[in-house]
N, C-alpha and C. Protein backbone atom coordinates (compact mmCIF):
# COMPACT_ATOMS: atom_id res chain seq x y z
N MET A 1 -2.68 -38.05 6.35
CA MET A 1 -3.08 -36.72 6.57
C MET A 1 -1.96 -35.70 5.98
N PRO A 2 -2.04 -34.88 5.16
CA PRO A 2 -0.95 -34.04 4.56
C PRO A 2 -0.52 -33.06 5.59
N SER A 3 0.73 -32.75 5.57
CA SER A 3 1.33 -31.81 6.58
C SER A 3 1.02 -30.36 6.07
N PHE A 4 1.15 -29.46 7.02
CA PHE A 4 0.91 -28.03 6.64
C PHE A 4 1.83 -27.43 5.58
N PRO A 5 3.22 -27.75 5.73
CA PRO A 5 4.06 -27.13 4.69
C PRO A 5 3.83 -27.63 3.19
N SER A 6 3.41 -28.84 3.14
CA SER A 6 3.18 -29.36 1.78
C SER A 6 1.85 -28.68 1.23
N ASP A 7 0.95 -28.32 2.03
CA ASP A 7 -0.39 -27.64 1.54
C ASP A 7 -0.22 -26.22 1.45
N ALA A 8 0.80 -25.61 2.12
CA ALA A 8 0.86 -24.06 2.31
C ALA A 8 0.86 -23.55 0.86
N TRP A 9 1.83 -24.13 -0.09
CA TRP A 9 1.98 -23.54 -1.39
C TRP A 9 0.69 -23.67 -2.21
N ARG A 10 -0.10 -24.69 -2.05
CA ARG A 10 -1.29 -24.83 -2.69
C ARG A 10 -2.31 -23.75 -2.26
N LEU A 11 -2.42 -23.53 -0.89
CA LEU A 11 -3.19 -22.57 -0.37
C LEU A 11 -2.92 -21.12 -0.91
N MET A 12 -1.65 -20.77 -0.86
CA MET A 12 -1.15 -19.54 -1.34
C MET A 12 -1.40 -19.32 -2.92
N LEU A 13 -1.25 -20.42 -3.61
CA LEU A 13 -1.58 -20.35 -5.02
C LEU A 13 -3.06 -20.01 -5.28
N LYS A 14 -3.99 -20.83 -4.50
CA LYS A 14 -5.30 -20.65 -4.61
C LYS A 14 -5.70 -19.18 -4.35
N MET A 15 -5.18 -18.68 -3.12
CA MET A 15 -5.34 -17.21 -2.84
C MET A 15 -4.94 -16.23 -3.83
N ALA A 16 -3.79 -16.49 -4.46
CA ALA A 16 -3.28 -15.70 -5.48
C ALA A 16 -4.18 -15.57 -6.73
N LEU A 17 -4.85 -16.75 -7.06
CA LEU A 17 -5.53 -16.82 -8.16
C LEU A 17 -7.04 -16.41 -7.99
N ASP A 18 -7.40 -16.19 -6.70
CA ASP A 18 -8.80 -15.81 -6.44
C ASP A 18 -8.81 -14.30 -6.57
N VAL A 19 -9.77 -13.90 -7.41
CA VAL A 19 -10.03 -12.40 -7.83
C VAL A 19 -10.32 -11.70 -6.61
N ARG A 20 -11.07 -12.16 -5.72
CA ARG A 20 -11.44 -11.37 -4.42
C ARG A 20 -10.23 -11.15 -3.59
N TRP A 21 -9.34 -12.08 -3.62
CA TRP A 21 -8.06 -11.78 -2.81
C TRP A 21 -7.24 -10.74 -3.42
N GLY A 22 -7.19 -10.62 -4.74
CA GLY A 22 -6.50 -9.61 -5.42
C GLY A 22 -7.15 -8.20 -5.11
N TYR A 23 -8.31 -8.04 -5.07
CA TYR A 23 -8.98 -6.88 -4.65
C TYR A 23 -8.73 -6.40 -3.34
N TRP A 24 -8.69 -7.38 -2.33
CA TRP A 24 -8.29 -6.95 -1.01
C TRP A 24 -6.88 -6.58 -0.98
N CYS A 25 -5.92 -7.19 -1.71
CA CYS A 25 -4.56 -6.76 -1.73
C CYS A 25 -4.49 -5.34 -2.19
N VAL A 26 -5.22 -5.06 -3.35
CA VAL A 26 -5.13 -3.70 -3.86
C VAL A 26 -5.69 -2.68 -2.75
N ALA A 27 -6.87 -3.17 -2.22
CA ALA A 27 -7.47 -2.06 -1.27
C ALA A 27 -6.48 -1.78 0.01
N ILE A 28 -5.85 -2.79 0.36
CA ILE A 28 -4.80 -2.73 1.54
C ILE A 28 -3.74 -1.85 1.17
N MET A 29 -3.23 -1.98 -0.17
CA MET A 29 -2.00 -1.20 -0.57
C MET A 29 -2.47 0.27 -0.84
N ILE A 30 -3.57 0.42 -1.36
CA ILE A 30 -3.98 1.83 -1.85
C ILE A 30 -4.57 2.66 -0.64
N ALA A 31 -5.16 2.05 0.30
CA ALA A 31 -5.85 2.84 1.43
C ALA A 31 -4.92 3.68 2.20
N PRO A 32 -3.68 3.27 2.61
CA PRO A 32 -2.79 4.20 3.36
C PRO A 32 -2.34 5.28 2.37
N ALA A 33 -2.03 5.01 1.14
CA ALA A 33 -1.49 6.08 0.34
C ALA A 33 -2.60 7.17 0.03
N ALA A 34 -3.78 6.63 -0.17
CA ALA A 34 -4.95 7.58 -0.51
C ALA A 34 -5.27 8.36 0.80
N GLY A 35 -5.12 7.78 1.91
CA GLY A 35 -5.36 8.57 3.19
C GLY A 35 -4.33 9.56 3.37
N ILE A 36 -3.10 9.25 3.03
CA ILE A 36 -2.05 10.21 3.27
C ILE A 36 -2.20 11.39 2.20
N VAL A 37 -2.51 11.14 1.00
CA VAL A 37 -2.72 12.20 -0.04
C VAL A 37 -3.82 13.07 0.37
N ALA A 38 -4.96 12.40 0.83
CA ALA A 38 -6.22 13.09 1.06
C ALA A 38 -6.01 14.03 2.26
N LEU A 39 -5.24 13.60 3.35
CA LEU A 39 -5.09 14.30 4.52
C LEU A 39 -3.63 15.11 4.57
N TYR A 40 -2.93 15.26 3.39
CA TYR A 40 -1.67 15.66 3.32
C TYR A 40 -1.36 16.89 4.20
N PRO A 41 -2.26 17.99 4.17
CA PRO A 41 -1.95 19.25 4.81
C PRO A 41 -1.84 19.10 6.37
N THR A 42 -2.78 18.21 6.94
CA THR A 42 -2.86 18.13 8.35
C THR A 42 -2.71 16.60 8.75
N SER A 43 -1.88 15.87 8.03
CA SER A 43 -1.76 14.46 8.38
C SER A 43 -1.00 14.31 9.69
N TRP A 44 -1.51 13.37 10.53
CA TRP A 44 -0.86 12.98 11.80
C TRP A 44 0.45 12.33 11.56
N ILE A 45 0.54 11.65 10.29
CA ILE A 45 1.82 10.90 9.87
C ILE A 45 2.81 11.97 9.52
N LEU A 46 2.38 12.89 8.80
CA LEU A 46 3.43 13.98 8.28
C LEU A 46 3.61 15.15 9.15
N GLY A 47 2.65 15.33 10.18
CA GLY A 47 2.71 16.47 11.07
C GLY A 47 1.67 17.37 10.79
N SER A 48 1.21 18.08 11.76
CA SER A 48 0.13 18.98 11.52
C SER A 48 0.60 20.52 11.21
N VAL A 49 1.92 20.62 11.27
CA VAL A 49 2.45 21.98 10.93
C VAL A 49 3.20 21.82 9.63
N ALA A 50 3.32 23.03 8.97
CA ALA A 50 3.89 23.08 7.68
C ALA A 50 5.28 22.47 7.63
N PHE A 51 5.71 21.82 6.50
CA PHE A 51 7.15 21.36 6.44
C PHE A 51 8.05 22.62 6.20
N ASN A 52 9.22 22.44 6.69
CA ASN A 52 10.27 23.43 6.33
C ASN A 52 10.82 22.78 5.06
N SER A 53 10.56 23.62 3.98
CA SER A 53 10.83 23.15 2.60
C SER A 53 12.43 22.91 2.46
N ASN A 54 13.16 23.50 3.34
CA ASN A 54 14.64 23.37 3.25
C ASN A 54 15.05 22.02 3.69
N ALA A 55 14.22 21.49 4.69
CA ALA A 55 14.62 20.17 5.37
C ALA A 55 13.97 19.05 4.66
N VAL A 56 12.89 19.10 3.95
CA VAL A 56 12.34 17.95 3.38
C VAL A 56 11.92 18.26 1.94
N GLU A 57 12.38 17.36 1.07
CA GLU A 57 12.03 17.64 -0.43
C GLU A 57 10.66 17.06 -0.56
N ILE A 58 9.68 17.83 -0.76
CA ILE A 58 8.30 17.55 -1.00
C ILE A 58 8.05 16.65 -2.22
N GLY A 59 8.79 16.94 -3.27
CA GLY A 59 8.69 16.20 -4.56
C GLY A 59 9.05 14.64 -4.32
N TRP A 60 10.03 14.46 -3.61
CA TRP A 60 10.37 13.03 -3.31
C TRP A 60 9.40 12.39 -2.40
N LEU A 61 8.82 13.15 -1.47
CA LEU A 61 7.92 12.63 -0.55
C LEU A 61 6.58 12.19 -1.34
N ARG A 62 6.18 13.04 -2.30
CA ARG A 62 5.07 12.69 -3.05
C ARG A 62 5.39 11.52 -3.98
N MET A 63 6.44 11.33 -4.47
CA MET A 63 6.84 10.21 -5.22
C MET A 63 6.81 8.86 -4.33
N PHE A 64 7.17 8.97 -3.15
CA PHE A 64 7.10 7.87 -2.25
C PHE A 64 5.69 7.52 -2.04
N MET A 65 4.84 8.46 -1.90
CA MET A 65 3.44 8.10 -1.58
C MET A 65 2.75 7.41 -2.77
N ILE A 66 3.22 7.69 -3.94
CA ILE A 66 2.63 7.17 -5.16
C ILE A 66 2.99 5.66 -5.41
N VAL A 67 4.11 5.24 -4.74
CA VAL A 67 4.54 3.84 -4.94
C VAL A 67 3.48 2.90 -4.49
N PRO A 68 2.81 3.04 -3.47
CA PRO A 68 1.71 1.91 -3.10
C PRO A 68 0.66 1.91 -4.18
N LEU A 69 0.25 3.17 -4.60
CA LEU A 69 -0.75 3.23 -5.67
C LEU A 69 -0.30 2.60 -6.93
N LEU A 70 0.88 2.70 -7.40
CA LEU A 70 1.35 2.04 -8.60
C LEU A 70 1.45 0.42 -8.25
N ALA A 71 1.90 0.10 -7.08
CA ALA A 71 1.86 -1.33 -6.77
C ALA A 71 0.58 -1.97 -6.83
N GLY A 72 -0.40 -1.25 -6.37
CA GLY A 72 -1.78 -1.73 -6.23
C GLY A 72 -2.41 -1.89 -7.73
N ALA A 73 -2.04 -0.93 -8.50
CA ALA A 73 -2.54 -0.93 -9.90
C ALA A 73 -1.87 -2.10 -10.77
N PHE A 74 -0.54 -2.41 -10.38
CA PHE A 74 0.12 -3.50 -11.04
C PHE A 74 -0.61 -4.74 -10.57
N ILE A 75 -0.89 -4.93 -9.35
CA ILE A 75 -1.67 -6.23 -8.94
C ILE A 75 -2.92 -6.35 -9.53
N ALA A 76 -3.71 -5.23 -9.62
CA ALA A 76 -5.03 -5.33 -10.14
C ALA A 76 -4.97 -5.77 -11.61
């Protein structure tokens, strides 16, 4: 009976090559970023009040939110 560590890499390779697994990875990566972008003005993550533009650079924040979208597109 083969041990788990010897079969783990085969299982991970099979999951990586499975197209359906790739779609789930993309969905998991895109969903939080899409939610933040859609709910940006009243997001509970970012706060329900307007940002003090002197304290937070909105441009960098938007760039940070795009990173999961780009990663998901790369995986797709």
